[in-house]
C-alpha cells in the first residue's frame, strides 16, 4: 500500500495556548470543590465485544474490542474519569486468524449533570497500527470536545447523545471537525431481556490538503438486538449495518457492511 512522501507534513496542531487553557479549565472543574468532599474511585466499567463482518474480505473478517474505564475521583457532582480500549481487526491474509490492525483509544475528561443532561468535556486520543507488518507512518489523532447525553421515557428506556470536537493533532488522516449523534431505545422489555434498537452518525471534515486524498465524510450505523441484564452486568446479542470510512490505514477506503456479534458490559458503582 502506498505511503505518504517523507517530506509531506501530515500533522496539524492547535496552538499550545489552547491546549494549556483546556487543561487548566479541566483542572479547575475537578479541584474547585472542597477536597473534603472527594470520592475516590466511585465507579469502574468493563466492556468486551466481538463481531463478524458480512461480507468478509481478506483483511476484514472479525473485529474484537476490549476496554475499561474508571471514575477516578468525584467532587460533589463532578467526576473525573479515564477510559481506554483496544480494537483488533482480524483477517486471513497469512493464516486462518490473522490480526491485521490494532487500534487504541484513550480518553479522559469530566462529567456533571445540568438538570437531566450529563455534560462531558473530553480529550480523546486514537492510535492505529498494522499488526505484524512493516512499520507504517504514524496514524493517530487527538480530539478535544464536549459531549452531552440524557435518558428519557418510562424507566429511562431511551438514551441519546451528541458531541462536537476538533483535532489538536492529526497524523496522516487530516481530520478537523467531528460531530457525532446517536441513541438507543428499548422497544420491548420483559422480565429477563429487552429488545432494543440503536442508530448513530459521525460527520468528519477533512483538511483541504490531506495526505490521504478524500473529502469530508459521514459514517453511520443502525443496530438491533436483545439485551440480557443481570444486575450491573449486561449481555447483548446484536445485528448491525454500517457505512464506515477509512477502514484501512494507509489508503482511503469505505465499506457498507453488516456485523453480527456479542457485547458484554459491566459497571460497578454509581
Protein backbone atom coordinates (compact mmCIF):
# COMPACT_ATOMS: atom_id res chain seq x y z
CA UNK A 1 0.00 0.00 0.00
CA UNK A 2 1.34 3.49 -0.80
CA UNK A 3 2.79 5.68 1.93
CA UNK A 4 2.94 9.50 2.00
CA UNK A 5 6.05 11.27 0.77
CA UNK A 6 8.63 11.57 3.52
CA UNK A 7 8.69 15.37 3.19
CA UNK A 8 4.92 15.74 3.46
CA UNK A 9 3.88 17.22 6.81
CA UNK A 10 0.96 15.08 7.95
CA UNK A 11 0.48 16.58 11.41
CA UNK A 12 -1.75 19.53 12.20
CA UNK A 13 -1.62 21.08 15.65
CA UNK A 14 -3.70 23.55 17.57
CA UNK A 15 -1.81 26.39 19.30
CA UNK A 16 -0.15 25.38 22.56
CA UNK A 17 -2.08 28.10 24.36
CA UNK A 18 -5.44 26.49 23.54
CA UNK A 19 -4.29 23.15 24.93
CA UNK A 20 -2.98 24.81 28.08
CA UNK A 21 -6.26 26.67 28.60
CA UNK A 22 -8.21 23.44 28.15
CA UNK A 23 -6.03 21.64 30.70
CA UNK A 24 -6.41 24.46 33.23
CA UNK A 25 -10.17 24.55 32.73
CA UNK A 26 -10.44 20.81 33.35
CA UNK A 27 -8.25 21.08 36.46
CA UNK A 28 -10.43 23.91 37.73
CA UNK A 29 -13.56 21.81 37.34
CA UNK A 30 -12.03 18.94 39.30
CA UNK A 31 -10.31 20.95 42.02
CA UNK A 32 -12.92 23.64 42.58
CA UNK A 33 -14.97 21.95 45.33
CA UNK A 34 -13.56 21.16 48.74
CA UNK A 35 -11.16 18.20 48.96
CA UNK A 36 -13.14 17.01 51.98
CA UNK A 37 -15.98 16.01 49.65
CA UNK A 38 -13.73 13.92 47.39
CA UNK A 39 -14.92 10.42 46.49
CA UNK A 40 -12.08 8.31 45.10
CA UNK A 41 -12.76 5.58 42.51
CA UNK A 42 -16.58 5.76 42.79
CA UNK A 43 -17.18 3.65 39.64
CA UNK A 44 -15.40 1.24 37.28
CA UNK A 45 -16.52 -0.32 34.00
CA UNK A 46 -15.54 -3.07 31.56
CA UNK A 47 -16.73 -3.90 28.05
CA UNK A 48 -15.97 -6.70 25.59
CA UNK A 49 -17.24 -7.07 22.02
CA UNK A 50 -16.70 -9.46 19.12
CA UNK A 51 -18.41 -9.32 15.72
CA UNK A 52 -18.21 -10.91 12.29
CA UNK A 53 -18.27 -8.78 9.14
CA UNK A 54 -20.53 -9.69 6.24
CA UNK A 55 -19.35 -9.71 3.53
CA UNK A 56 -15.79 -10.54 4.54
CA UNK A 57 -12.55 -9.51 2.83
CA UNK A 58 -9.04 -10.90 3.11
CA UNK A 59 -8.03 -8.37 5.79
CA UNK A 60 -11.51 -7.85 7.28
CA UNK A 61 -13.23 -10.89 8.80
CA UNK A 62 -13.69 -10.12 12.51
CA UNK A 63 -13.47 -7.22 14.94
CA UNK A 64 -12.80 -7.66 18.67
CA UNK A 65 -12.69 -4.91 21.30
CA UNK A 66 -11.65 -4.96 24.95
CA UNK A 67 -11.87 -1.89 27.13
CA UNK A 68 -12.41 -0.48 30.57
CA UNK A 69 -12.70 2.74 32.46
CA UNK A 70 -12.89 4.31 35.88
CA UNK A 71 -14.30 7.40 37.52
CA UNK A 72 -11.08 8.27 39.33
CA UNK A 73 -12.42 10.96 41.62
CA UNK A 74 -15.66 12.79 42.34
CA UNK A 75 -16.06 16.25 43.86
CA UNK A 76 -19.69 16.89 44.60
CA UNK A 77 -21.47 16.37 41.31
CA UNK A 78 -18.32 16.43 39.13
CA UNK A 79 -16.50 13.24 38.12
CA UNK A 80 -13.04 12.97 36.57
CA UNK A 81 -12.62 9.79 34.52
CA UNK A 82 -10.37 7.81 32.20
CA UNK A 83 -11.37 5.22 29.57
CA UNK A 84 -9.25 3.00 27.32
CA UNK A 85 -9.90 0.30 24.75
CA UNK A 86 -8.04 -1.82 22.22
CA UNK A 87 -9.65 -3.00 18.97
CA UNK A 88 -8.18 -5.81 16.88
CA UNK A 89 -9.18 -6.37 13.26
CA UNK A 90 -8.74 -9.98 12.13
CA UNK A 91 -8.47 -11.36 8.59
CA UNK A 92 -6.96 -14.46 7.00
CA UNK A 93 -4.11 -12.95 4.98
CA UNK A 94 -1.40 -15.27 6.37
CA UNK A 95 -3.33 -17.75 8.47
CA UNK A 96 -6.93 -18.58 9.41
CA UNK A 97 -6.99 -15.93 12.18
CA UNK A 98 -4.51 -13.18 11.34
CA UNK A 99 -4.58 -9.87 13.23
CA UNK A 100 -4.19 -7.14 10.62
CA UNK A 101 -4.87 -3.95 12.62
CA UNK A 102 -4.60 -2.82 16.23
CA UNK A 103 -6.42 0.40 17.15
CA UNK A 104 -6.11 2.06 20.56
CA UNK A 105 -8.45 4.61 22.14
CA UNK A 106 -7.72 6.63 25.29
CA UNK A 107 -9.99 9.31 26.75
CA UNK A 108 -10.01 11.49 29.81
CA UNK A 109 -12.41 14.19 30.88
CA UNK A 110 -15.02 15.31 33.37
CA UNK A 111 -18.77 14.93 33.60
CA UNK A 112 -21.56 16.52 35.62
CA UNK A 113 -25.34 16.97 35.46
CA UNK A 114 -27.19 20.05 34.30
CA UNK A 115 -30.78 19.10 35.05
CA UNK A 116 -31.45 15.89 33.12
CA UNK A 117 -28.45 16.33 30.81
CA UNK A 118 -24.96 14.98 31.51
CA UNK A 119 -22.29 17.41 30.23
CA UNK A 120 -18.93 15.85 29.37
CA UNK A 121 -15.88 17.81 28.12
CA UNK A 122 -13.27 15.31 26.93
CA UNK A 123 -9.85 14.75 25.38
CA UNK A 124 -9.78 11.66 23.13
CA UNK A 125 -6.72 10.00 21.54
CA UNK A 126 -6.81 7.37 18.78
CA UNK A 127 -3.75 5.49 17.51
CA UNK A 128 -3.96 2.96 14.65
CA UNK A 129 -1.35 0.34 13.75
CA UNK A 130 -0.73 -2.51 11.35
CA UNK A 131 -0.21 -5.82 13.19
CA UNK A 132 2.95 -7.85 12.46
CA UNK A 133 3.64 -5.78 9.35
CA UNK A 134 6.35 -3.37 8.27
CA UNK A 135 6.21 -0.24 10.41
CA UNK A 136 3.96 2.40 8.84
CA UNK A 137 3.83 6.19 9.23
CA UNK A 138 2.07 7.43 12.34
CA UNK A 139 -1.72 7.24 12.03
CA UNK A 140 -3.24 8.95 15.06
CA UNK A 141 -5.22 11.96 16.19
CA UNK A 142 -6.27 13.85 19.32
CA UNK A 143 -9.78 15.25 19.67
CA UNK A 144 -10.79 17.97 22.15
CA UNK A 145 -14.53 18.35 22.51
CA UNK A 146 -17.70 18.26 24.56
CA UNK A 147 -20.44 15.64 24.76
CA UNK A 148 -23.99 15.80 26.12
CA UNK A 149 -26.31 12.88 26.83
CA UNK A 150 -29.60 12.18 28.52
CA UNK A 151 -32.18 9.47 29.12
CA UNK A 152 -35.93 9.82 28.98
CA UNK A 153 -39.14 7.83 28.86
CA UNK A 154 -40.59 5.49 31.46
CA UNK A 155 -37.77 3.76 33.37
CA UNK A 156 -35.23 5.55 31.12
CA UNK A 157 -35.91 3.37 28.11
CA UNK A 158 -34.31 5.81 25.64
CA UNK A 159 -30.80 7.24 25.65
CA UNK A 160 -29.49 9.94 23.28
CA UNK A 161 -26.14 11.70 22.96
CA UNK A 162 -24.38 14.28 20.82
CA UNK A 163 -20.81 15.56 20.71
CA UNK A 164 -18.67 18.07 18.86
CA UNK A 165 -14.88 18.15 18.76
CA UNK A 166 -11.86 19.43 16.86
CA UNK A 167 -8.47 17.81 16.46
CA UNK A 168 -5.45 19.24 18.25
CA UNK A 169 -3.21 16.83 16.32
CA UNK A 170 -3.88 14.68 13.24
CA UNK A 171 -1.25 12.45 11.64
CA UNK A 172 -1.90 11.33 8.05
CA UNK A 173 -5.72 11.27 8.36
CA UNK A 174 -6.22 15.05 8.09
CA UNK A 175 -9.26 15.14 10.39
CA UNK A 176 -10.54 18.52 11.60
CA UNK A 177 -14.10 18.78 12.99
CA UNK A 178 -16.06 15.78 14.24
CA UNK A 179 -19.80 15.79 15.02
CA UNK A 180 -21.46 12.68 16.48
CA UNK A 181 -25.09 11.95 17.28
CA UNK A 182 -26.88 8.78 18.26
CA UNK A 183 -29.07 6.90 20.66
CA UNK A 184 -30.80 3.68 21.56
CA UNK A 185 -34.24 2.72 22.78
CA UNK A 186 -35.65 -0.41 24.43
CA UNK A 187 -38.54 -1.35 22.18
CA UNK A 188 -39.80 -4.28 24.24
CA UNK A 189 -39.00 -5.13 27.83
CA UNK A 190 -39.60 -8.46 29.54
CA UNK A 191 -38.54 -9.87 32.90
CA UNK A 192 -35.22 -11.31 31.73
CA UNK A 193 -34.46 -9.46 28.50
CA UNK A 194 -35.23 -6.43 26.34
CA UNK A 195 -35.31 -5.90 22.58
CA UNK A 196 -33.58 -2.68 21.54
CA UNK A 197 -32.77 -0.56 18.51
CA UNK A 198 -29.91 1.90 18.07
CA UNK A 199 -28.62 4.32 15.45
CA UNK A 200 -25.80 6.81 15.15
CA UNK A 201 -23.89 9.01 12.70
CA UNK A 202 -20.48 10.69 12.62
CA UNK A 203 -19.57 13.65 10.39
CA UNK A 204 -15.85 14.32 9.88
CA UNK A 205 -14.38 17.27 7.99
CA UNK A 206 -11.03 16.82 6.25
CA UNK A 207 -8.08 19.22 5.88
CA UNK A 208 -8.09 20.88 2.43
CA UNK A 209 -4.75 19.24 1.52
CA UNK A 210 -4.75 15.83 3.23
CA UNK A 211 -2.09 13.16 2.75
CA UNK A 212 -4.93 10.72 2.06
CA UNK A 213 -6.90 12.36 -0.73
CA UNK A 214 -10.65 12.27 0.01
CA UNK A 215 -13.30 14.71 1.12
CA UNK A 216 -15.48 15.16 4.19
CA UNK A 217 -17.47 12.05 5.05
CA UNK A 218 -20.29 10.64 7.16
CA UNK A 219 -20.14 7.29 8.94
CA UNK A 220 -23.45 5.80 10.11
CA UNK A 221 -24.73 2.66 11.79
CA UNK A 222 -28.07 1.07 12.66
CA UNK A 223 -28.32 -1.81 15.13
CA UNK A 224 -30.91 -4.07 16.71
CA UNK A 225 -30.67 -6.89 19.19
CA UNK A 226 -31.53 -8.47 22.50
CA UNK A 227 -30.25 -7.21 25.85
CA UNK A 228 -29.96 -9.51 28.88
CA UNK A 229 -29.32 -7.52 32.09
CA UNK A 230 -28.11 -9.20 35.28
CA UNK A 231 -27.57 -6.54 37.91
CA UNK A 232 -24.53 -4.47 36.84
CA UNK A 233 -23.78 -6.94 34.02
CA UNK A 234 -25.34 -6.84 30.53
CA UNK A 235 -25.05 -9.24 27.60
CA UNK A 236 -26.14 -8.02 24.15
CA UNK A 237 -26.58 -10.11 21.00
CA UNK A 238 -26.82 -7.78 18.00
CA UNK A 239 -27.00 -7.38 14.25
CA UNK A 240 -25.91 -4.09 12.68
CA UNK A 241 -25.39 -2.45 9.32
CA UNK A 242 -22.92 0.38 8.81
CA UNK A 243 -21.23 2.74 6.40
CA UNK A 244 -17.61 3.07 7.54
CA UNK A 245 -14.87 5.24 6.06
CA UNK A 246 -11.10 4.89 6.49
CA UNK A 247 -11.28 1.15 7.15
CA UNK A 248 -7.64 0.86 6.03
CA UNK A 249 -4.67 2.75 7.47
CA UNK A 250 -2.65 3.96 4.50
CA UNK A 251 -5.16 4.26 1.66
CA UNK A 252 -8.69 5.69 1.53
CA UNK A 253 -11.43 3.10 1.74
CA UNK A 254 -15.13 2.99 2.66
CA UNK A 255 -17.30 -0.06 3.21
CA UNK A 256 -21.02 -0.80 3.58
CA UNK A 257 -21.31 -3.98 5.64
CA UNK A 258 -23.26 -5.96 8.20
CA UNK A 259 -21.97 -7.09 11.60
CA UNK A 260 -23.21 -9.93 13.80
CA UNK A 261 -21.85 -10.14 17.31
CA UNK A 262 -21.95 -10.24 21.08
CA UNK A 263 -21.21 -7.49 23.60
CA UNK A 264 -20.66 -7.70 27.37
CA UNK A 265 -20.75 -4.64 29.62
CA UNK A 266 -20.11 -4.33 33.34
CA UNK A 267 -20.37 -1.26 35.53
CA UNK A 268 -19.89 -1.17 39.28
CA UNK A 269 -20.57 1.95 41.29
CA UNK A 270 -22.95 4.85 40.74
